[in-house]
Amino acid sequence: LHPASPERWSNPLASRYASFEMAEIWSDPHRYGLWRRVWLALAEAEAELGLPITPNQLDEMRAHLDTVDFAKAAAYEKQTRHDVFAHLHTFGDDCPAARPILHLGATSAFVTDNTDLLLLGESLALVAARLATVIERLADRARENRSVICLGRTHLQPAQPTTIGKRICLWIQDLLLDLEEVQHRRHLLRARGAKGTTGTQASFLELFDGDHAKVRELDRLVSQKLGFASSYAVTGQTYPRKVDSQVLASLGGIAESTHKAGNDLRLAAAWGELEEPFETDQVGSSAMPYKRNPMRAERMCGLGRFVMGMQATASQTAAVQWYERTLDDSAPRRLVLPQAF
């Protein structure tokens, strides 16, 4: 069966809950198109620094950045049991003249990690934009309800009066803190760059006959071509998995805030203070169609709880990387990074 066949399980985070834009960022065509762009950036930089790579080879690569034959790549992966090797062969089939210079001096993590950092950057930018929109719309509602009095509660017990507008401002304050953190994480993202197989750049030093200046420039050029201002100064085979943990913590922060607001909304709905929109043909319950369940707020809480749970996986993954790297990070990262976003 094809992976997208309706006879197979598909991830409801993509099919039911995600925005089209976020699902597109983490799609296979986008990811593997970026892999080819990372290979191109390396080849361009190596050519500029004097390696024997021709303009025709580079042009051939540029002409095939988005022509990935996924069926062929799947066949190669079944044969080789290695996804990067499979896509490298598939790219080489598209670019026979460039095949000898593809992936020159690189390791698999060069391709996958630089791409993942690009995906993190794109995703954080989308989250920041969406979060700013949510804050603006909540601010409008807060102003509209600045004089609507409700009973303030501490310990969930009646306390002193407050207003609906002021209560909404509590949600906004949390989300502003989250927005600052998301923007901070996006600003700190760097490229992995061209660091070699264990982070020593030995393979690139060999290519450039021991010229350290050229290898440093290669690292800078590749990072620049990928849109980063700099690269991580020290890496093993991978960029620090601490970065994933920090990014997941920022997403977990948003989940905390939306879960808190969702709980407040559910309690307010139970007391008749606030109510979700209820569409004409909407049914609250199959047995009790008159019910007006706070389904959106409940979804906020449910998905928020799921994201908070993924923080622990990213943290544990960062903690158990051995020396220059180990591959037990691969499966959880494939699951956690796209799902959290």
C-alpha atoms as a PDB file:
ATOM      1  CA  LEU A   1       0.000   0.000   0.000  1.00  0.00           C
ATOM      2  CA  HIS A   2       1.094   3.552  -0.672  1.00  0.00           C
ATOM      3  CA  PRO A   3       1.894   5.459   2.582  1.00  0.00           C
ATOM      4  CA  ALA A   4      -0.922   7.922   1.836  1.00  0.00           C
ATOM      5  CA  SER A   5      -3.475   5.195   1.140  1.00  0.00           C
ATOM      6  CA  PRO A   6      -6.728   5.513   3.147  1.00  0.00           C
ATOM      7  CA  GLU A   7      -6.200   1.886   4.203  1.00  0.00           C
ATOM      8  CA  ARG A   8      -3.188   3.004   6.252  1.00  0.00           C
ATOM      9  CA  TRP A   9      -3.120   5.096   9.422  1.00  0.00           C
ATOM     10  CA  SER A  10      -2.302   8.733   8.798  1.00  0.00           C
ATOM     11  CA  ASN A  11      -1.245  11.263  11.395  1.00  0.00           C
ATOM     12  CA  PRO A  12      -4.265  13.334  12.516  1.00  0.00           C
ATOM     13  CA  LEU A  13      -1.932  16.168  13.506  1.00  0.00           C
ATOM     14  CA  ALA A  14      -1.413  16.714   9.777  1.00  0.00           C
ATOM     15  CA  SER A  15      -4.818  15.655   8.437  1.00  0.00           C
ATOM     16  CA  ARG A  16      -7.059  17.099  11.162  1.00  0.00           C
ATOM     17  CA  TYR A  17      -5.315  19.797  13.203  1.00  0.00           C
ATOM     18  CA  ALA A  18      -2.353  21.378  11.398  1.00  0.00           C
ATOM     19  CA  SER A  19      -2.516  24.472   9.242  1.00  0.00           C
ATOM     20  CA  PHE A  20      -1.871  23.928   5.540  1.00  0.00           C
ATOM     21  CA  GLU A  21       1.233  26.117   5.770  1.00  0.00           C
ATOM     22  CA  MET A  22       2.829  24.174   8.626  1.00  0.00           C
ATOM     23  CA  ALA A  23       2.049  20.811   7.067  1.00  0.00           C
ATOM     24  CA  GLU A  24       3.638  22.036   3.838  1.00  0.00           C
ATOM     25  CA  ILE A  25       6.867  23.050   5.615  1.00  0.00           C
ATOM     26  CA  TRP A  26       7.293  19.510   6.990  1.00  0.00           C
ATOM     27  CA  SER A  27       6.176  17.770   3.778  1.00  0.00           C
ATOM     28  CA  ASP A  28       8.459  15.388   1.896  1.00  0.00           C
ATOM     29  CA  PRO A  29       8.675  17.535  -1.273  1.00  0.00           C
ATOM     30  CA  HIS A  30       9.829  20.528   0.764  1.00  0.00           C
ATOM     31  CA  ARG A  31      12.275  18.582   2.952  1.00  0.00           C
ATOM     32  CA  TYR A  32      13.954  16.716   0.110  1.00  0.00           C
ATOM     33  CA  GLY A  33      13.972  19.805  -2.074  1.00  0.00           C
ATOM     34  CA  LEU A  34      15.962  21.426   0.739  1.00  0.00           C
ATOM     35  CA  TRP A  35      18.320  18.441   0.824  1.00  0.00           C
ATOM     36  CA  ARG A  36      19.165  19.136  -2.806  1.00  0.00           C
ATOM     37  CA  ARG A  37      19.635  22.845  -2.082  1.00  0.00           C
ATOM     38  CA  VAL A  38      22.037  21.976   0.747  1.00  0.00           C
ATOM     39  CA  TRP A  39      24.036  19.775  -1.638  1.00  0.00           C
ATOM     40  CA  LEU A  40      24.036  22.636  -4.143  1.00  0.00           C
ATOM     41  CA  ALA A  41      25.276  25.139  -1.552  1.00  0.00           C
ATOM     42  CA  LEU A  42      28.184  22.817  -0.725  1.00  0.00           C
ATOM     43  CA  ALA A  43      29.112  22.326  -4.377  1.00  0.00           C
ATOM     44  CA  GLU A  44      28.904  26.063  -5.112  1.00  0.00           C
ATOM     45  CA  ALA A  45      31.110  26.906  -2.129  1.00  0.00           C
ATOM     46  CA  GLU A  46      33.647  24.218  -3.022  1.00  0.00           C
ATOM     47  CA  ALA A  47      33.771  25.494  -6.606  1.00  0.00           C
ATOM     48  CA  GLU A  48      34.304  29.078  -5.434  1.00  0.00           C
ATOM     49  CA  LEU A  49      37.206  27.883  -3.283  1.00  0.00           C
ATOM     50  CA  GLY A  50      38.956  26.181  -6.179  1.00  0.00           C
ATOM     51  CA  LEU A  51      37.824  22.557  -6.299  1.00  0.00           C
ATOM     52  CA  PRO A  52      37.370  21.180  -9.847  1.00  0.00           C
ATOM     53  CA  ILE A  53      33.598  21.636 -10.125  1.00  0.00           C
ATOM     54  CA  THR A  54      32.313  23.060 -13.413  1.00  0.00           C
ATOM     55  CA  PRO A  55      29.552  25.599 -14.085  1.00  0.00           C
ATOM     56  CA  ASN A  56      27.748  22.940 -16.145  1.00  0.00           C
ATOM     57  CA  GLN A  57      27.665  20.588 -13.161  1.00  0.00           C
ATOM     58  CA  LEU A  58      26.219  23.326 -10.959  1.00  0.00           C
ATOM     59  CA  ASP A  59      23.648  24.280 -13.591  1.00  0.00           C
ATOM     60  CA  GLU A  60      22.584  20.643 -13.851  1.00  0.00           C
ATOM     61  CA  MET A  61      22.047  20.546 -10.092  1.00  0.00           C
ATOM     62  CA  ARG A  62      20.059  23.799 -10.140  1.00  0.00           C
ATOM     63  CA  ALA A  63      17.789  22.399 -12.852  1.00  0.00           C
ATOM     64  CA  HIS A  64      16.820  19.409 -10.682  1.00  0.00           C
ATOM     65  CA  LEU A  65      16.184  20.892  -7.242  1.00  0.00           C
ATOM     66  CA  ASP A  66      12.488  19.969  -7.292  1.00  0.00           C
ATOM     67  CA  THR A  67      12.363  16.889  -9.521  1.00  0.00           C
ATOM     68  CA  VAL A  68      12.641  14.255  -6.791  1.00  0.00           C
ATOM     69  CA  ASP A  69      11.470  10.824  -7.956  1.00  0.00           C
ATOM     70  CA  PHE A  70      10.112   9.509  -4.655  1.00  0.00           C
ATOM     71  CA  ALA A  71       9.360   6.043  -6.004  1.00  0.00           C
ATOM     72  CA  LYS A  72      12.957   5.667  -7.147  1.00  0.00           C
ATOM     73  CA  ALA A  73      14.244   7.011  -3.815  1.00  0.00           C
ATOM     74  CA  ALA A  74      12.073   4.489  -1.952  1.00  0.00           C
ATOM     75  CA  ALA A  75      13.473   1.656  -4.064  1.00  0.00           C
ATOM     76  CA  TYR A  76      17.039   2.788  -3.365  1.00  0.00           C
ATOM     77  CA  GLU A  77      16.287   3.040   0.360  1.00  0.00           C
ATOM     78  CA  LYS A  78      14.823  -0.469   0.418  1.00  0.00           C
ATOM     79  CA  GLN A  79      18.067  -1.681  -1.162  1.00  0.00           C
ATOM     80  CA  THR A  80      20.549   0.392   0.891  1.00  0.00           C
ATOM     81  CA  ARG A  81      18.633   0.861   4.172  1.00  0.00           C
ATOM     82  CA  HIS A  82      19.859   4.475   4.194  1.00  0.00           C
ATOM     83  CA  ASP A  83      17.640   7.438   3.321  1.00  0.00           C
ATOM     84  CA  VAL A  84      20.416   9.948   2.559  1.00  0.00           C
ATOM     85  CA  PHE A  85      22.267   7.466   0.376  1.00  0.00           C
ATOM     86  CA  ALA A  86      18.997   6.704  -1.435  1.00  0.00           C
ATOM     87  CA  HIS A  87      18.263  10.355  -2.192  1.00  0.00           C
ATOM     88  CA  LEU A  88      21.883  10.975  -3.161  1.00  0.00           C
ATOM     89  CA  HIS A  89      21.623   8.214  -5.778  1.00  0.00           C
ATOM     90  CA  THR A  90      18.289   9.612  -6.966  1.00  0.00           C
ATOM     91  CA  PHE A  91      19.796  13.089  -7.331  1.00  0.00           C
ATOM     92  CA  GLY A  92      22.776  11.569  -9.124  1.00  0.00           C
ATOM     93  CA  ASP A  93      20.442   9.878 -11.614  1.00  0.00           C
ATOM     94  CA  ASP A  94      18.931  13.294 -12.332  1.00  0.00           C
ATOM     95  CA  CYS A  95      22.387  14.889 -12.606  1.00  0.00           C
ATOM     96  CA  PRO A  96      24.763  12.388 -14.265  1.00  0.00           C
ATOM     97  CA  ALA A  97      27.392  15.019 -15.047  1.00  0.00           C
ATOM     98  CA  ALA A  98      27.365  16.298 -11.460  1.00  0.00           C
ATOM     99  CA  ARG A  99      27.232  12.850  -9.849  1.00  0.00           C
ATOM    100  CA  PRO A 100      31.021  12.667  -9.123  1.00  0.00           C
ATOM    101  CA  ILE A 101      30.974  15.917  -7.119  1.00  0.00           C
ATOM    102  CA  LEU A 102      27.733  15.470  -5.177  1.00  0.00           C
ATOM    103  CA  HIS A 103      28.159  15.321  -1.385  1.00  0.00           C
ATOM    104  CA  LEU A 104      31.910  15.902  -1.770  1.00  0.00           C
ATOM    105  CA  GLY A 105      33.590  15.571   1.645  1.00  0.00           C
ATOM    106  CA  ALA A 106      30.252  15.552   3.457  1.00  0.00           C
ATOM    107  CA  THR A 107      28.507  13.183   5.846  1.00  0.00           C
ATOM    108  CA  SER A 108      24.795  12.410   6.060  1.00  0.00           C
ATOM    109  CA  ALA A 109      24.373  14.783   8.998  1.00  0.00           C
ATOM    110  CA  PHE A 110      25.642  17.627   6.810  1.00  0.00           C
ATOM    111  CA  VAL A 111      22.508  17.243   4.692  1.00  0.00           C
ATOM    112  CA  THR A 112      19.946  16.275   7.308  1.00  0.00           C
ATOM    113  CA  ASP A 113      21.020  18.652  10.077  1.00  0.00           C
ATOM    114  CA  ASN A 114      21.401  21.770   7.947  1.00  0.00           C
ATOM    115  CA  THR A 115      17.990  21.001   6.472  1.00  0.00           C
ATOM    116  CA  ASP A 116      16.412  20.467   9.889  1.00  0.00           C
ATOM    117  CA  LEU A 117      17.759  23.835  11.040  1.00  0.00           C
ATOM    118  CA  LEU A 118      16.179  25.450   7.970  1.00  0.00           C
ATOM    119  CA  LEU A 119      12.865  23.729   8.791  1.00  0.00           C
ATOM    120  CA  LEU A 120      13.074  24.890  12.414  1.00  0.00           C
ATOM    121  CA  GLY A 121      13.671  28.460  11.252  1.00  0.00           C
ATOM    122  CA  GLU A 122      10.751  28.430   8.812  1.00  0.00           C
ATOM    123  CA  SER A 123       8.457  26.863  11.402  1.00  0.00           C
ATOM    124  CA  LEU A 124       9.419  29.282  14.175  1.00  0.00           C
ATOM    125  CA  ALA A 125       8.760  32.192  11.803  1.00  0.00           C
ATOM    126  CA  LEU A 126       5.280  30.841  11.036  1.00  0.00           C
ATOM    127  CA  VAL A 127       4.561  30.244  14.733  1.00  0.00           C
ATOM    128  CA  ALA A 128       5.683  33.784  15.605  1.00  0.00           C
ATOM    129  CA  ALA A 129       3.443  35.299  12.928  1.00  0.00           C
ATOM    130  CA  ARG A 130       0.420  33.231  14.000  1.00  0.00           C
ATOM    131  CA  LEU A 131       1.071  33.986  17.665  1.00  0.00           C
ATOM    132  CA  ALA A 132       1.239  37.735  16.952  1.00  0.00           C
ATOM    133  CA  THR A 133      -2.110  37.492  15.161  1.00  0.00           C
ATOM    134  CA  VAL A 134      -3.684  35.665  18.108  1.00  0.00           C
ATOM    135  CA  ILE A 135      -2.383  38.338  20.492  1.00  0.00           C
ATOM    136  CA  GLU A 136      -3.756  41.151  18.308  1.00  0.00           C
ATOM    137  CA  ARG A 137      -7.198  39.542  18.083  1.00  0.00           C
ATOM    138  CA  LEU A 138      -7.316  38.856  21.810  1.00  0.00           C
ATOM    139  CA  ALA A 139      -6.341  42.482  22.427  1.00  0.00           C
ATOM    140  CA  ASP A 140      -9.337  43.575  20.349  1.00  0.00           C
ATOM    141  CA  ARG A 141     -11.630  41.364  22.444  1.00  0.00           C
ATOM    142  CA  ALA A 142     -10.084  42.652  25.663  1.00  0.00           C
ATOM    143  CA  ARG A 143     -10.795  46.254  24.643  1.00  0.00           C
ATOM    144  CA  GLU A 144     -14.363  45.349  23.651  1.00  0.00           C
ATOM    145  CA  ASN A 145     -14.959  43.783  27.076  1.00  0.00           C
ATOM    146  CA  ARG A 146     -12.912  46.106  29.267  1.00  0.00           C
ATOM    147  CA  SER A 147     -16.021  47.166  31.238  1.00  0.00           C
ATOM    148  CA  VAL A 148     -17.885  43.855  31.327  1.00  0.00           C
ATOM    149  CA  ILE A 149     -17.762  42.868  34.984  1.00  0.00           C
ATOM    150  CA  CYS A 150     -17.381  39.256  36.093  1.00  0.00           C
ATOM    151  CA  LEU A 151     -16.565  37.621  39.391  1.00  0.00           C
ATOM    152  CA  GLY A 152     -12.869  37.141  39.924  1.00  0.00           C
ATOM    153  CA  ARG A 153     -11.913  33.830  41.478  1.00  0.00           C
ATOM    154  CA  THR A 154      -8.899  32.714  43.493  1.00  0.00           C
ATOM    155  CA  HIS A 155      -8.619  29.053  44.479  1.00  0.00           C
ATOM    156  CA  LEU A 156     -11.629  28.792  42.112  1.00  0.00           C
ATOM    157  CA  GLN A 157     -13.655  30.437  44.871  1.00  0.00           C
ATOM    158  CA  PRO A 158     -15.555  33.751  44.592  1.00  0.00           C
ATOM    159  CA  ALA A 159     -13.165  36.664  45.258  1.00  0.00           C
ATOM    160  CA  GLN A 160     -13.416  40.294  44.061  1.00  0.00           C
ATOM    161  CA  PRO A 161     -14.951  41.555  40.827  1.00  0.00           C
ATOM    162  CA  THR A 162     -12.780  41.911  37.735  1.00  0.00           C
ATOM    163  CA  THR A 163     -13.665  42.343  34.056  1.00  0.00           C
ATOM    164  CA  ILE A 164     -13.728  40.005  31.101  1.00  0.00           C
ATOM    165  CA  GLY A 165     -11.259  42.321  29.375  1.00  0.00           C
ATOM    166  CA  LYS A 166      -8.809  42.092  32.267  1.00  0.00           C
ATOM    167  CA  ARG A 167      -9.095  38.293  32.322  1.00  0.00           C
ATOM    168  CA  ILE A 168      -8.293  38.123  28.597  1.00  0.00           C
ATOM    169  CA  CYS A 169      -5.222  40.254  29.334  1.00  0.00           C
ATOM    170  CA  LEU A 170      -3.947  37.455  31.559  1.00  0.00           C
ATOM    171  CA  TRP A 171      -3.928  35.163  28.510  1.00  0.00           C
ATOM    172  CA  ILE A 172      -2.279  37.859  26.383  1.00  0.00           C
ATOM    173  CA  GLN A 173       0.506  38.357  28.932  1.00  0.00           C
ATOM    174  CA  ASP A 174       1.390  34.656  28.839  1.00  0.00           C
ATOM    175  CA  LEU A 175       1.380  34.629  25.038  1.00  0.00           C
ATOM    176  CA  LEU A 176       3.595  37.727  24.876  1.00  0.00           C
ATOM    177  CA  LEU A 177       6.180  35.902  26.977  1.00  0.00           C
ATOM    178  CA  ASP A 178       5.894  32.956  24.566  1.00  0.00           C
ATOM    179  CA  LEU A 179       6.322  35.215  21.542  1.00  0.00           C
ATOM    180  CA  GLU A 180       9.502  36.696  23.023  1.00  0.00           C
ATOM    181  CA  GLU A 181      10.880  33.194  23.561  1.00  0.00           C
ATOM    182  CA  VAL A 182       9.972  31.979  20.052  1.00  0.00           C
ATOM    183  CA  GLN A 183      11.618  35.028  18.479  1.00  0.00           C
ATOM    184  CA  HIS A 184      14.664  34.542  20.711  1.00  0.00           C
ATOM    185  CA  ARG A 185      15.036  30.914  19.630  1.00  0.00           C
ATOM    186  CA  ARG A 186      14.641  31.824  15.975  1.00  0.00           C
ATOM    187  CA  HIS A 187      17.244  34.586  16.285  1.00  0.00           C
ATOM    188  CA  LEU A 188      19.764  32.202  17.877  1.00  0.00           C
ATOM    189  CA  LEU A 189      19.459  29.501  15.194  1.00  0.00           C
ATOM    190  CA  ARG A 190      22.663  28.925  13.224  1.00  0.00           C
ATOM    191  CA  ALA A 191      23.740  26.518  10.528  1.00  0.00           C
ATOM    192  CA  ARG A 192      25.559  23.294  11.262  1.00  0.00           C
ATOM    193  CA  GLY A 193      27.786  24.288   8.382  1.00  0.00           C
ATOM    194  CA  ALA A 194      30.509  22.039   6.937  1.00  0.00           C
ATOM    195  CA  LYS A 195      31.971  20.260   9.977  1.00  0.00           C
ATOM    196  CA  GLY A 196      32.942  16.851   8.627  1.00  0.00           C
ATOM    197  CA  THR A 197      32.084  13.440  10.030  1.00  0.00           C
ATOM    198  CA  THR A 198      32.958  13.986  13.709  1.00  0.00           C
ATOM    199  CA  GLY A 199      33.105  17.762  13.788  1.00  0.00           C
ATOM    200  CA  THR A 200      36.839  17.988  13.084  1.00  0.00           C
ATOM    201  CA  GLN A 201      36.475  18.963   9.389  1.00  0.00           C
ATOM    202  CA  ALA A 202      39.142  16.377   8.531  1.00  0.00           C
ATOM    203  CA  SER A 203      37.486  15.341   5.258  1.00  0.00           C
ATOM    204  CA  PHE A 204      37.370  18.938   4.051  1.00  0.00           C
ATOM    205  CA  LEU A 205      40.957  19.557   5.144  1.00  0.00           C
ATOM    206  CA  GLU A 206      41.941  16.616   2.962  1.00  0.00           C
ATOM    207  CA  LEU A 207      40.016  18.039  -0.002  1.00  0.00           C
ATOM    208  CA  PHE A 208      41.771  21.400   0.407  1.00  0.00           C
ATOM    209  CA  ASP A 209      45.246  19.946   1.035  1.00  0.00           C
ATOM    210  CA  GLY A 210      45.364  21.000   4.674  1.00  0.00           C
ATOM    211  CA  ASP A 211      44.420  24.645   4.008  1.00  0.00           C
ATOM    212  CA  HIS A 212      42.648  25.604   7.252  1.00  0.00           C
ATOM    213  CA  ALA A 213      41.672  29.057   5.990  1.00  0.00           C
ATOM    214  CA  LYS A 214      39.810  27.568   3.026  1.00  0.00           C
ATOM    215  CA  VAL A 215      38.005  25.077   5.239  1.00  0.00           C
ATOM    216  CA  ARG A 216      36.901  27.867   7.580  1.00  0.00           C
ATOM    217  CA  GLU A 217      35.736  29.849   4.570  1.00  0.00           C
ATOM    218  CA  LEU A 218      33.862  26.810   3.251  1.00  0.00           C
ATOM    219  CA  ASP A 219      31.964  26.614   6.552  1.00  0.00           C
ATOM    220  CA  ARG A 220      31.138  30.324   6.363  1.00  0.00           C
ATOM    221  CA  LEU A 221      30.121  30.218   2.688  1.00  0.00           C
ATOM    222  CA  VAL A 222      27.834  27.195   3.051  1.00  0.00           C
ATOM    223  CA  SER A 223      26.117  28.750   6.069  1.00  0.00           C
ATOM    224  CA  GLN A 224      25.677  32.039   4.214  1.00  0.00           C
ATOM    225  CA  LYS A 225      24.250  30.345   1.126  1.00  0.00           C
ATOM    226  CA  LEU A 226      21.702  28.585   3.339  1.00  0.00           C
ATOM    227  CA  GLY A 227      20.590  31.929   4.768  1.00  0.00           C
ATOM    228  CA  PHE A 228      22.308  31.793   8.172  1.00  0.00           C
ATOM    229  CA  ALA A 229      24.474  34.551   9.575  1.00  0.00           C
ATOM    230  CA  SER A 230      26.827  32.010  11.177  1.00  0.00           C
ATOM    231  CA  SER A 231      27.286  28.362  12.114  1.00  0.00           C
ATOM    232  CA  TYR A 232      27.705  26.638  15.473  1.00  0.00           C
ATOM    233  CA  ALA A 233      31.367  27.020  16.387  1.00  0.00           C
ATOM    234  CA  VAL A 234      31.686  23.489  17.783  1.00  0.00           C
ATOM    235  CA  THR A 235      29.737  20.395  16.788  1.00  0.00           C
ATOM    236  CA  GLY A 236      30.129  16.641  16.776  1.00  0.00           C
ATOM    237  CA  GLN A 237      28.654  14.936  13.773  1.00  0.00           C
ATOM    238  CA  THR A 238      25.387  16.786  14.443  1.00  0.00           C
ATOM    239  CA  TYR A 239      24.387  20.217  15.609  1.00  0.00           C
ATOM    240  CA  PRO A 240      23.797  20.272  19.387  1.00  0.00           C
ATOM    241  CA  ARG A 241      20.585  18.401  20.194  1.00  0.00           C
ATOM    242  CA  LYS A 242      20.272  20.950  22.993  1.00  0.00           C
ATOM    243  CA  VAL A 243      18.902  23.241  20.259  1.00  0.00           C
ATOM    244  CA  ASP A 244      15.954  20.903  19.650  1.00  0.00           C
ATOM    245  CA  SER A 245      15.271  20.800  23.371  1.00  0.00           C
ATOM    246  CA  GLN A 246      15.279  24.597  23.600  1.00  0.00           C
ATOM    247  CA  VAL A 247      12.967  24.950  20.591  1.00  0.00           C
ATOM    248  CA  LEU A 248      10.577  22.334  21.995  1.00  0.00           C
ATOM    249  CA  ALA A 249      10.579  24.212  25.297  1.00  0.00           C
ATOM    250  CA  SER A 250       9.410  27.356  23.493  1.00  0.00           C
ATOM    251  CA  LEU A 251       6.604  25.392  21.810  1.00  0.00           C
ATOM    252  CA  GLY A 252       5.775  23.774  25.143  1.00  0.00           C
ATOM    253  CA  GLY A 253       5.479  27.278  26.592  1.00  0.00           C
ATOM    254  CA  ILE A 254       2.814  28.147  24.031  1.00  0.00           C
ATOM    255  CA  ALA A 255       1.066  24.887  24.882  1.00  0.00           C
ATOM    256  CA  GLU A 256       1.084  25.830  28.582  1.00  0.00           C
ATOM    257  CA  SER A 257      -0.465  29.206  27.813  1.00  0.00           C
ATOM    258  CA  THR A 258      -3.148  27.882  25.490  1.00  0.00           C
ATOM    259  CA  HIS A 259      -3.985  25.087  27.921  1.00  0.00           C
ATOM    260  CA  LYS A 260      -4.427  27.637  30.720  1.00  0.00           C
ATOM    261  CA  ALA A 261      -6.643  29.840  28.553  1.00  0.00           C
ATOM    262  CA  GLY A 262      -8.596  26.793  27.386  1.00  0.00           C
ATOM    263  CA  ASN A 263      -9.264  25.740  30.954  1.00  0.00           C
ATOM    264  CA  ASP A 264     -10.415  29.265  31.829  1.00  0.00           C
ATOM    265  CA  LEU A 265     -12.782  29.223  28.851  1.00  0.00           C
ATOM    266  CA  ARG A 266     -14.224  25.858  29.842  1.00  0.00           C
ATOM    267  CA  LEU A 267     -14.881  27.040  33.391  1.00  0.00           C
ATOM    268  CA  ALA A 268     -16.404  30.303  32.145  1.00  0.00           C
ATOM    269  CA  ALA A 269     -18.661  28.337  29.792  1.00  0.00           C
ATOM    270  CA  ALA A 270     -19.854  26.155  32.672  1.00  0.00           C
ATOM    271  CA  TRP A 271     -20.824  29.293  34.634  1.00  0.00           C
ATOM    272  CA  GLY A 272     -22.403  30.958  31.594  1.00  0.00           C
ATOM    273  CA  GLU A 273     -19.933  33.855  31.507  1.00  0.00           C
ATOM    274  CA  LEU A 274     -18.411  33.112  28.092  1.00  0.00           C
ATOM    275  CA  GLU A 275     -19.551  30.890  25.267  1.00  0.00           C
ATOM    276  CA  GLU A 276     -17.913  29.569  22.140  1.00  0.00           C
ATOM    277  CA  PRO A 277     -19.484  30.237  18.734  1.00  0.00           C
ATOM    278  CA  PHE A 278     -22.100  27.575  17.936  1.00  0.00           C
ATOM    279  CA  GLU A 279     -22.844  26.978  14.265  1.00  0.00           C
ATOM    280  CA  THR A 280     -26.332  26.482  12.895  1.00  0.00           C
ATOM    281  CA  ASP A 281     -25.972  22.774  12.171  1.00  0.00           C
ATOM    282  CA  GLN A 282     -23.504  22.007  14.951  1.00  0.00           C
ATOM    283  CA  VAL A 283     -24.438  19.219  17.338  1.00  0.00           C
ATOM    284  CA  GLY A 284     -23.133  19.223  20.890  1.00  0.00           C
ATOM    285  CA  SER A 285     -23.740  15.549  21.583  1.00  0.00           C
ATOM    286  CA  SER A 286     -25.095  12.574  19.627  1.00  0.00           C
ATOM    287  CA  ALA A 287     -27.401  11.771  22.559  1.00  0.00           C
ATOM    288  CA  MET A 288     -28.024  15.362  23.716  1.00  0.00           C
ATOM    289  CA  PRO A 289     -27.956  17.666  20.660  1.00  0.00           C
ATOM    290  CA  TYR A 290     -28.955  20.700  22.755  1.00  0.00           C
ATOM    291  CA  LYS A 291     -25.592  20.710  24.552  1.00  0.00           C
ATOM    292  CA  ARG A 292     -23.138  23.513  23.763  1.00  0.00           C
ATOM    293  CA  ASN A 293     -19.867  21.822  24.599  1.00  0.00           C
ATOM    294  CA  PRO A 294     -16.712  24.040  24.551  1.00  0.00           C
ATOM    295  CA  MET A 295     -15.108  21.873  21.868  1.00  0.00           C
ATOM    296  CA  ARG A 296     -12.516  24.427  20.722  1.00  0.00           C
ATOM    297  CA  ALA A 297     -11.262  25.058  24.242  1.00  0.00           C
ATOM    298  CA  GLU A 298     -11.180  21.326  24.889  1.00  0.00           C
ATOM    299  CA  ARG A 299      -9.107  20.857  21.740  1.00  0.00           C
ATOM    300  CA  MET A 300      -6.721  23.588  22.921  1.00  0.00           C
ATOM    301  CA  CYS A 301      -6.214  21.715  26.181  1.00  0.00           C
ATOM    302  CA  GLY A 302      -5.865  18.300  24.545  1.00  0.00           C
ATOM    303  CA  LEU A 303      -3.309  19.379  21.956  1.00  0.00           C
ATOM    304  CA  GLY A 304      -1.487  21.549  24.484  1.00  0.00           C
ATOM    305  CA  ARG A 305      -1.073  18.565  26.777  1.00  0.00           C
ATOM    306  CA  PHE A 306       0.308  16.515  23.876  1.00  0.00           C
ATOM    307  CA  VAL A 307       2.917  19.151  23.005  1.00  0.00           C
ATOM    308  CA  MET A 308       4.020  19.509  26.632  1.00  0.00           C
ATOM    309  CA  GLY A 309       4.564  15.747  26.701  1.00  0.00           C
ATOM    310  CA  MET A 310       6.945  15.971  23.733  1.00  0.00           C
ATOM    311  CA  GLN A 311       9.219  18.401  25.579  1.00  0.00           C
ATOM    312  CA  ALA A 312      10.455  15.519  27.718  1.00  0.00           C
ATOM    313  CA  THR A 313      11.463  13.461  24.680  1.00  0.00           C
ATOM    314  CA  ALA A 314      13.536  16.304  23.225  1.00  0.00           C
ATOM    315  CA  SER A 315      15.180  16.864  26.604  1.00  0.00           C
ATOM    316  CA  GLN A 316      16.012  13.185  27.033  1.00  0.00           C
ATOM    317  CA  THR A 317      17.398  13.002  23.494  1.00  0.00           C
ATOM    318  CA  ALA A 318      19.755  15.895  24.186  1.00  0.00           C
ATOM    319  CA  ALA A 319      20.865  14.242  27.420  1.00  0.00           C
ATOM    320  CA  VAL A 320      21.779  10.836  25.977  1.00  0.00           C
ATOM    321  CA  GLN A 321      23.856  11.761  22.930  1.00  0.00           C
ATOM    322  CA  TRP A 322      27.163   9.876  23.237  1.00  0.00           C
ATOM    323  CA  TYR A 323      30.399  11.729  22.427  1.00  0.00           C
ATOM    324  CA  GLU A 324      30.150  12.947  18.811  1.00  0.00           C
ATOM    325  CA  ARG A 325      26.650  11.477  18.272  1.00  0.00           C
ATOM    326  CA  THR A 326      24.515   8.340  18.390  1.00  0.00           C
ATOM    327  CA  LEU A 327      21.622   7.393  16.145  1.00  0.00           C
ATOM    328  CA  ASP A 328      18.976   6.878  18.796  1.00  0.00           C
ATOM    329  CA  ASP A 329      18.096  10.535  18.187  1.00  0.00           C
ATOM    330  CA  SER A 330      16.836   9.811  14.668  1.00  0.00           C
ATOM    331  CA  ALA A 331      13.445   8.188  15.273  1.00  0.00           C
ATOM    332  CA  PRO A 332      12.283  10.515  18.078  1.00  0.00           C
ATOM    333  CA  ARG A 333      13.348  13.628  16.126  1.00  0.00           C
ATOM    334  CA  ARG A 334      11.403  12.476  13.046  1.00  0.00           C
ATOM    335  CA  LEU A 335       8.339  12.198  15.284  1.00  0.00           C
ATOM    336  CA  VAL A 336       8.744  15.042  17.757  1.00  0.00           C
ATOM    337  CA  LEU A 337       9.905  17.978  15.636  1.00  0.00           C
ATOM    338  CA  PRO A 338       7.109  18.010  13.026  1.00  0.00           C
ATOM    339  CA  GLN A 339       4.409  16.931  15.469  1.00  0.00           C
ATOM    340  CA  ALA A 340       5.259  19.606  18.032  1.00  0.00           C
ATOM    341  CA  PHE A 341       5.080  22.306  15.372  1.00  0.00           C
END
